[in-house]
């Protein structure tokens, strides 16, 4: 019996709480209705501000390129040939291994080193060759803000300049531009973790700069990638080439020495064999150098195959083509969003203001 009474009391309490909640909502609605002129007025003002903002906002241009990363899996027939050559003591070099995975390439493209190198690359603007950094300063009219600073008035960034020789102002400006582009204007992502296709998007208010920076950033990354991953193989090829050239020169000298020594003992009395010693020594040199050169040439050719295997490592799929995709907030959309946001914030202000007045009353 007591359980039934408790359940009935609980139901009554729930009904009272629901009625109180509905009553509170009606009370707040009634209060907001008394403020409808203020809410609508501020919402209209917010809509006008949004419309004006959209009217004067400059459009952004998106330059997008996609490329595939060719990763060395270390297998195949060439891998077996390299292993066999290594068993005979031939070091054919090798790539960067797992150093340049897709995720590492993405971080490499965002690195200060690559972005700053890209900004110092030359581009053709109105028939004149300038660096991308100078073009960025030009299109953003940064020098107008530097007019009152004498140390910045004539600052520029020569094409392919030596980064280590920059003064403090050049270093600071280049770092600022690089950091701003990386943070606000670059979007780099791997389309699918199962494949090595990477998408690079550059978004700026200059259509031409977006295109040029996108292309030059990919080029700089590709050059750095190829140079680093194939560095060991290239060094090995250079060393083997110098050794082969040196041995070939020695062999040619030994052959000439054999001929000279033979001429010196022409029609020599057979009893004087000691006179034939220089010729015999030279023949030994010829045989030894021939054997060494044969091995070096074989090793050199295998090393060249290994080097060719390392490049190209970045294959372009899509490139940015003018006209670029334009991104701009529509006037109607800005009007609606501005009005809704202003109205919503006004309602919140009125509600919390009323609550605060009741609390201190």
Protein backbone atom coordinates (compact mmCIF):
# COMPACT_ATOMS: atom_id res chain seq x y z
CA UNK A 1 0.00 0.00 0.00
CA UNK A 2 2.84 2.37 0.87
CA UNK A 3 4.51 1.66 -2.48
CA UNK A 4 1.38 2.70 -4.36
CA UNK A 5 1.20 5.94 -2.37
CA UNK A 6 4.90 6.71 -3.09
CA UNK A 7 4.43 6.09 -6.82
CA UNK A 8 1.39 8.39 -6.89
CA UNK A 9 3.36 11.14 -5.13
CA UNK A 10 6.21 10.75 -7.62
CA UNK A 11 3.78 11.10 -10.55
CA UNK A 12 2.27 14.22 -8.98
CA UNK A 13 5.74 15.73 -8.47
CA UNK A 14 6.69 15.02 -12.12
CA UNK A 15 3.47 16.65 -13.32
CA UNK A 16 4.16 19.71 -11.17
CA UNK A 17 7.76 19.95 -12.48
CA UNK A 18 6.56 19.67 -16.10
CA UNK A 19 3.90 22.29 -15.52
CA UNK A 20 6.50 24.59 -13.95
CA UNK A 21 8.85 24.09 -16.89
CA UNK A 22 6.10 24.88 -19.41
CA UNK A 23 5.13 27.88 -17.35
CA UNK A 24 8.73 29.17 -17.31
CA UNK A 25 9.05 28.74 -21.07
CA UNK A 26 5.80 30.67 -21.64
CA UNK A 27 7.07 33.34 -19.27
CA UNK A 28 10.33 33.74 -21.20
CA UNK A 29 8.51 33.78 -24.54
CA UNK A 30 6.22 36.48 -23.25
CA UNK A 31 9.22 38.50 -22.07
CA UNK A 32 11.02 38.17 -25.40
CA UNK A 33 7.86 39.25 -27.24
CA UNK A 34 8.02 42.52 -25.36
CA UNK A 35 11.54 42.98 -26.74
CA UNK A 36 10.73 42.00 -30.34
CA UNK A 37 11.56 45.42 -31.76
CA UNK A 38 15.03 45.32 -30.23
CA UNK A 39 15.67 41.74 -31.40
CA UNK A 40 14.49 42.37 -34.95
CA UNK A 41 16.36 45.68 -35.12
CA UNK A 42 19.70 44.18 -34.05
CA UNK A 43 19.14 41.15 -36.30
CA UNK A 44 18.53 43.48 -39.25
CA UNK A 45 21.66 45.42 -38.38
CA UNK A 46 23.65 42.16 -38.25
CA UNK A 47 22.25 41.16 -41.63
CA UNK A 48 23.26 44.50 -43.15
CA UNK A 49 26.77 44.17 -41.70
CA UNK A 50 27.05 40.67 -43.16
CA UNK A 51 25.82 41.89 -46.56
CA UNK A 52 28.29 44.79 -46.63
CA UNK A 53 31.14 42.51 -45.54
CA UNK A 54 30.38 40.06 -48.35
CA UNK A 55 30.20 42.92 -50.86
CA UNK A 56 33.67 44.21 -50.05
CA UNK A 57 35.33 40.87 -49.29
CA UNK A 58 38.00 39.88 -51.80
CA UNK A 59 37.60 36.41 -53.30
CA UNK A 60 40.13 33.70 -52.55
CA UNK A 61 41.61 31.55 -55.31
CA UNK A 62 42.37 27.88 -54.80
CA UNK A 63 45.28 26.28 -56.69
CA UNK A 64 45.23 22.51 -56.25
CA UNK A 65 47.68 19.90 -57.43
CA UNK A 66 47.80 16.18 -56.76
CA UNK A 67 50.78 13.89 -57.03
CA UNK A 68 51.67 10.33 -56.23
CA UNK A 69 54.59 9.42 -54.04
CA UNK A 70 56.68 6.57 -55.46
CA UNK A 71 57.98 4.68 -52.46
CA UNK A 72 60.81 2.14 -52.68
CA UNK A 73 59.61 -1.22 -51.42
CA UNK A 74 63.03 -2.81 -51.77
CA UNK A 75 61.75 -5.80 -53.73
CA UNK A 76 61.73 -7.04 -57.28
CA UNK A 77 64.45 -8.32 -59.52
CA UNK A 78 66.68 -5.33 -58.99
CA UNK A 79 66.58 -5.85 -55.24
CA UNK A 80 67.78 -9.41 -55.77
CA UNK A 81 70.54 -8.22 -58.08
CA UNK A 82 71.64 -5.67 -55.51
CA UNK A 83 71.69 -8.35 -52.81
CA UNK A 84 73.77 -10.64 -55.03
CA UNK A 85 76.18 -7.79 -55.81
CA UNK A 86 76.52 -7.01 -52.10
CA UNK A 87 77.48 -10.62 -51.42
CA UNK A 88 80.53 -10.05 -53.64
CA UNK A 89 81.46 -6.90 -51.75
CA UNK A 90 79.82 -4.40 -54.12
CA UNK A 91 78.14 -1.49 -52.33
CA UNK A 92 75.52 -0.21 -54.76
CA UNK A 93 74.14 2.41 -52.42
CA UNK A 94 70.49 2.74 -51.55
CA UNK A 95 67.66 5.16 -51.12
CA UNK A 96 66.37 6.88 -48.06
CA UNK A 97 64.50 3.77 -46.92
CA UNK A 98 61.39 4.68 -44.97
CA UNK A 99 62.55 8.25 -44.40
CA UNK A 100 60.09 9.72 -46.89
CA UNK A 101 56.70 8.20 -46.20
CA UNK A 102 53.56 10.08 -47.22
CA UNK A 103 53.14 11.62 -43.77
CA UNK A 104 56.78 12.78 -43.78
CA UNK A 105 56.36 14.36 -47.21
CA UNK A 106 53.36 16.34 -45.93
CA UNK A 107 55.39 17.66 -43.01
CA UNK A 108 58.32 18.37 -45.34
CA UNK A 109 56.11 20.56 -47.55
CA UNK A 110 55.08 22.56 -44.47
CA UNK A 111 58.63 22.93 -43.19
CA UNK A 112 60.23 26.38 -43.00
CA UNK A 113 63.20 25.22 -45.06
CA UNK A 114 61.13 24.19 -48.09
CA UNK A 115 58.66 27.10 -47.88
CA UNK A 116 61.47 29.68 -47.65
CA UNK A 117 63.35 28.07 -50.55
CA UNK A 118 60.12 28.23 -52.54
CA UNK A 119 59.71 31.94 -51.76
CA UNK A 120 63.21 32.59 -53.14
CA UNK A 121 62.50 30.80 -56.42
CA UNK A 122 62.33 32.96 -59.58
CA UNK A 123 59.03 33.66 -61.37
CA UNK A 124 58.20 35.70 -64.46
CA UNK A 125 55.90 38.65 -63.69
CA UNK A 126 55.12 41.08 -66.52
CA UNK A 127 58.27 40.00 -68.36
CA UNK A 128 60.46 40.55 -65.31
CA UNK A 129 62.11 37.88 -63.20
CA UNK A 130 61.56 38.35 -59.46
CA UNK A 131 61.39 36.08 -56.44
CA UNK A 132 58.09 34.82 -55.09
CA UNK A 133 58.80 36.65 -51.83
CA UNK A 134 59.07 40.01 -53.65
CA UNK A 135 55.88 39.20 -55.59
CA UNK A 136 54.07 38.43 -52.32
CA UNK A 137 55.21 41.77 -50.86
CA UNK A 138 54.09 43.51 -54.06
CA UNK A 139 50.56 42.06 -54.28
CA UNK A 140 49.91 42.56 -50.56
CA UNK A 141 51.30 46.14 -50.68
CA UNK A 142 53.41 45.51 -47.59
CA UNK A 143 55.85 48.29 -48.42
CA UNK A 144 53.14 50.90 -47.83
CA UNK A 145 53.15 49.90 -44.19
CA UNK A 146 56.95 50.03 -44.12
CA UNK A 147 57.15 53.55 -45.56
CA UNK A 148 57.94 55.08 -42.16
CA UNK A 149 60.63 52.51 -41.42
CA UNK A 150 63.84 53.46 -43.28
CA UNK A 151 65.47 50.07 -42.72
CA UNK A 152 62.57 48.36 -44.55
CA UNK A 153 61.99 50.88 -47.35
CA UNK A 154 64.37 49.26 -49.87
CA UNK A 155 64.29 45.68 -48.64
CA UNK A 156 64.03 42.93 -51.27
CA UNK A 157 64.77 39.25 -51.79
CA UNK A 158 67.01 38.49 -54.78
CA UNK A 159 66.31 35.34 -56.79
CA UNK A 160 68.03 32.24 -55.37
CA UNK A 161 69.84 34.40 -52.80
CA UNK A 162 72.09 32.87 -50.17
CA UNK A 163 69.81 32.50 -47.16
CA UNK A 164 72.73 32.58 -44.72
CA UNK A 165 73.71 36.10 -45.83
CA UNK A 166 70.36 37.77 -45.05
CA UNK A 167 70.34 40.62 -42.57
CA UNK A 168 68.06 40.70 -39.52
CA UNK A 169 65.20 42.48 -41.31
CA UNK A 170 65.24 40.12 -44.30
CA UNK A 171 65.38 37.10 -42.01
CA UNK A 172 62.47 38.33 -39.91
CA UNK A 173 60.25 39.22 -42.88
CA UNK A 174 60.90 35.95 -44.70
CA UNK A 175 60.12 33.94 -41.56
CA UNK A 176 56.90 35.91 -41.03
CA UNK A 177 55.73 35.37 -44.62
CA UNK A 178 56.65 31.69 -44.46
CA UNK A 179 54.82 31.13 -41.16
CA UNK A 180 51.74 33.00 -42.39
CA UNK A 181 51.50 30.99 -45.61
CA UNK A 182 52.00 27.68 -43.81
CA UNK A 183 49.37 28.45 -41.17
CA UNK A 184 46.68 30.19 -43.22
CA UNK A 185 47.13 29.36 -46.90
CA UNK A 186 48.31 25.76 -47.19
CA UNK A 187 46.17 22.63 -47.05
CA UNK A 188 48.10 19.39 -47.59
CA UNK A 189 46.43 16.03 -47.12
CA UNK A 190 46.70 12.40 -48.17
CA UNK A 191 43.54 11.46 -50.04
CA UNK A 192 43.52 7.89 -48.80
CA UNK A 193 45.83 6.09 -46.39
CA UNK A 194 45.79 3.05 -48.65
CA UNK A 195 47.35 4.96 -51.54
CA UNK A 196 50.20 7.46 -51.75
CA UNK A 197 48.27 10.23 -53.55
CA UNK A 198 48.75 13.61 -51.87
CA UNK A 199 46.76 16.78 -52.51
CA UNK A 200 48.29 20.26 -52.15
CA UNK A 201 46.02 23.32 -52.10
CA UNK A 202 47.18 26.94 -51.91
CA UNK A 203 44.51 29.53 -51.09
CA UNK A 204 45.30 33.26 -51.42
CA UNK A 205 43.62 36.41 -52.69
CA UNK A 206 45.93 36.50 -55.74
CA UNK A 207 45.07 34.02 -58.48
CA UNK A 208 48.51 34.10 -60.08
CA UNK A 209 50.38 33.83 -56.76
CA UNK A 210 48.28 30.82 -55.73
CA UNK A 211 49.17 29.03 -58.96
CA UNK A 212 52.87 29.94 -58.93
CA UNK A 213 53.40 29.14 -55.26
CA UNK A 214 51.62 25.81 -55.60
CA UNK A 215 53.80 24.78 -58.56
CA UNK A 216 57.06 26.01 -57.04
CA UNK A 217 56.37 24.39 -53.66
CA UNK A 218 55.83 21.01 -55.31
CA UNK A 219 58.97 21.47 -57.42
CA UNK A 220 61.10 22.40 -54.39
CA UNK A 221 59.76 19.46 -52.39
CA UNK A 222 60.37 17.07 -55.28
CA UNK A 223 63.95 18.33 -55.76
CA UNK A 224 64.71 18.00 -52.05
CA UNK A 225 63.11 14.55 -51.96
CA UNK A 226 65.06 13.27 -54.97
CA UNK A 227 68.35 14.78 -53.82
CA UNK A 228 68.06 13.38 -50.30
CA UNK A 229 66.75 9.92 -51.12
CA UNK A 230 69.26 9.29 -53.92
CA UNK A 231 72.20 11.01 -52.20
CA UNK A 232 73.96 7.81 -51.17
CA UNK A 233 73.59 6.28 -54.63
CA UNK A 234 74.86 9.44 -56.33
CA UNK A 235 77.88 9.65 -54.03
CA UNK A 236 78.63 5.99 -54.73
CA UNK A 237 78.40 6.54 -58.50
CA UNK A 238 80.69 9.58 -58.30
CA UNK A 239 83.30 7.67 -56.28
CA UNK A 240 83.21 4.67 -58.61
CA UNK A 241 83.44 6.94 -61.65
CA UNK A 242 86.55 8.66 -60.29
CA UNK A 243 88.14 5.31 -59.43
CA UNK A 244 87.36 3.89 -62.88
CA UNK A 245 88.80 6.98 -64.58
CA UNK A 246 91.94 6.74 -62.44
CA UNK A 247 92.48 3.04 -63.18
CA UNK A 248 91.80 3.62 -66.88
CA UNK A 249 94.50 6.32 -66.92
CA UNK A 250 96.91 3.92 -65.18
CA UNK A 251 96.07 1.19 -67.68
CA UNK A 252 96.69 3.48 -70.62
CA UNK A 253 100.01 4.50 -69.10
CA UNK A 254 100.97 0.83 -68.56
CA UNK A 255 100.11 -0.04 -72.17
CA UNK A 256 102.25 2.85 -73.38
CA UNK A 257 105.06 1.68 -71.07
CA UNK A 258 104.94 -1.85 -72.52
CA UNK A 259 105.24 -0.46 -76.02
CA UNK A 260 108.13 1.82 -75.02
CA UNK A 261 110.00 -1.00 -73.24
CA UNK A 262 109.49 -3.31 -76.26
CA UNK A 263 110.92 -0.67 -78.56
CA UNK A 264 113.98 -0.37 -76.33
CA UNK A 265 114.81 -4.08 -76.56
CA UNK A 266 114.09 -4.53 -80.24
CA UNK A 267 116.57 -7.04 -81.80
CA UNK A 268 118.14 -7.49 -78.35
CA UNK A 269 120.58 -10.41 -77.94
CA UNK A 270 118.60 -13.22 -76.25
CA UNK A 271 121.42 -13.64 -73.77
CA UNK A 272 120.59 -10.27 -72.18
CA UNK A 273 117.15 -11.14 -70.66
CA UNK A 274 117.58 -8.66 -67.83
CA UNK A 275 116.97 -5.89 -70.36
CA UNK A 276 113.43 -7.27 -70.85
CA UNK A 277 112.50 -6.75 -67.16
CA UNK A 278 110.81 -3.28 -67.60
CA UNK A 279 108.59 -4.66 -70.35
CA UNK A 280 107.55 -7.64 -68.21
CA UNK A 281 106.74 -5.40 -65.27
CA UNK A 282 104.62 -3.19 -67.47
CA UNK A 283 102.73 -6.22 -68.77
CA UNK A 284 101.93 -7.23 -65.18
CA UNK A 285 100.61 -3.71 -64.55
CA UNK A 286 98.45 -3.96 -67.67
CA UNK A 287 96.94 -7.28 -66.53
CA UNK A 288 96.31 -6.07 -62.96
CA UNK A 289 94.75 -2.78 -64.05
CA UNK A 290 92.62 -4.61 -66.63
CA UNK A 291 91.19 -6.91 -63.93
CA UNK A 292 90.54 -4.01 -61.53
CA UNK A 293 88.93 -1.87 -64.24
CA UNK A 294 86.65 -4.75 -65.28
CA UNK A 295 85.31 -5.06 -61.73
CA UNK A 296 84.95 -1.31 -61.31
CA UNK A 297 83.04 -0.91 -64.58
CA UNK A 298 80.65 -3.70 -63.60
CA UNK A 299 80.10 -2.14 -60.18
CA UNK A 300 79.70 1.31 -61.72
CA UNK A 301 76.99 0.13 -64.11
CA UNK A 302 75.07 -1.59 -61.32
CA UNK A 303 75.33 1.58 -59.23
CA UNK A 304 73.94 3.62 -62.12
CA UNK A 305 70.99 1.23 -62.33
CA UNK A 306 70.44 1.71 -58.61
CA UNK A 307 70.58 5.49 -59.03
CA UNK A 308 68.08 5.43 -61.89
CA UNK A 309 65.78 3.39 -59.67
CA UNK A 310 65.62 6.28 -57.23
CA UNK A 311 64.25 8.82 -59.73
CA UNK A 312 61.72 10.14 -60.51
CA UNK A 313 60.14 9.85 -57.07
CA UNK A 314 57.23 12.28 -57.38
CA UNK A 315 54.75 11.85 -60.24
CA UNK A 316 52.44 14.79 -60.93
CA UNK A 317 48.80 13.86 -61.56
CA UNK A 318 46.88 17.17 -61.68
CA UNK A 319 48.30 20.67 -61.91
CA UNK A 320 46.60 24.05 -61.27
CA UNK A 321 45.22 25.60 -64.46
CA UNK A 322 43.93 29.15 -64.86
CA UNK A 323 41.25 30.27 -64.18
CA UNK A 324 41.41 28.86 -60.67
CA UNK A 325 38.48 27.93 -58.49
CA UNK A 326 37.15 31.07 -56.76
CA UNK A 327 35.86 31.03 -53.21
CA UNK A 328 33.76 33.88 -51.84
CA UNK A 329 30.97 34.18 -49.27
CA UNK A 330 27.68 35.03 -51.03
CA UNK A 331 25.81 38.21 -50.16
CA UNK A 332 22.51 36.44 -49.44
CA UNK A 333 24.23 33.86 -47.28
CA UNK A 334 26.08 36.58 -45.37
CA UNK A 335 22.82 38.50 -44.90
CA UNK A 336 21.05 35.47 -43.41
CA UNK A 337 24.00 34.37 -41.26
CA UNK A 338 24.64 37.89 -39.98
CA UNK A 339 21.00 38.42 -39.10
CA UNK A 340 20.64 35.03 -37.38
CA UNK A 341 23.86 35.44 -35.37
CA UNK A 342 22.99 38.97 -34.26
CA UNK A 343 19.46 37.96 -33.29
CA UNK A 344 20.64 34.87 -31.40
CA UNK A 345 23.24 36.84 -29.43
CA UNK A 346 20.60 39.49 -28.58
CA UNK A 347 18.24 36.82 -27.21
CA UNK A 348 21.05 35.37 -25.09
CA UNK A 349 21.90 38.82 -23.78
CA UNK A 350 18.28 39.53 -22.82
CA UNK A 351 17.80 36.15 -21.13
CA UNK A 352 20.98 36.26 -19.08
CA UNK A 353 20.41 39.92 -18.26
CA UNK A 354 16.93 39.13 -16.92
CA UNK A 355 18.29 36.22 -14.88
CA UNK A 356 21.00 38.43 -13.40
CA UNK A 357 18.45 41.11 -12.40
CA UNK A 358 16.30 38.48 -10.66
CA UNK A 359 19.32 37.15 -8.78
CA UNK A 360 20.36 40.53 -7.40
CA UNK A 361 16.79 41.62 -6.69
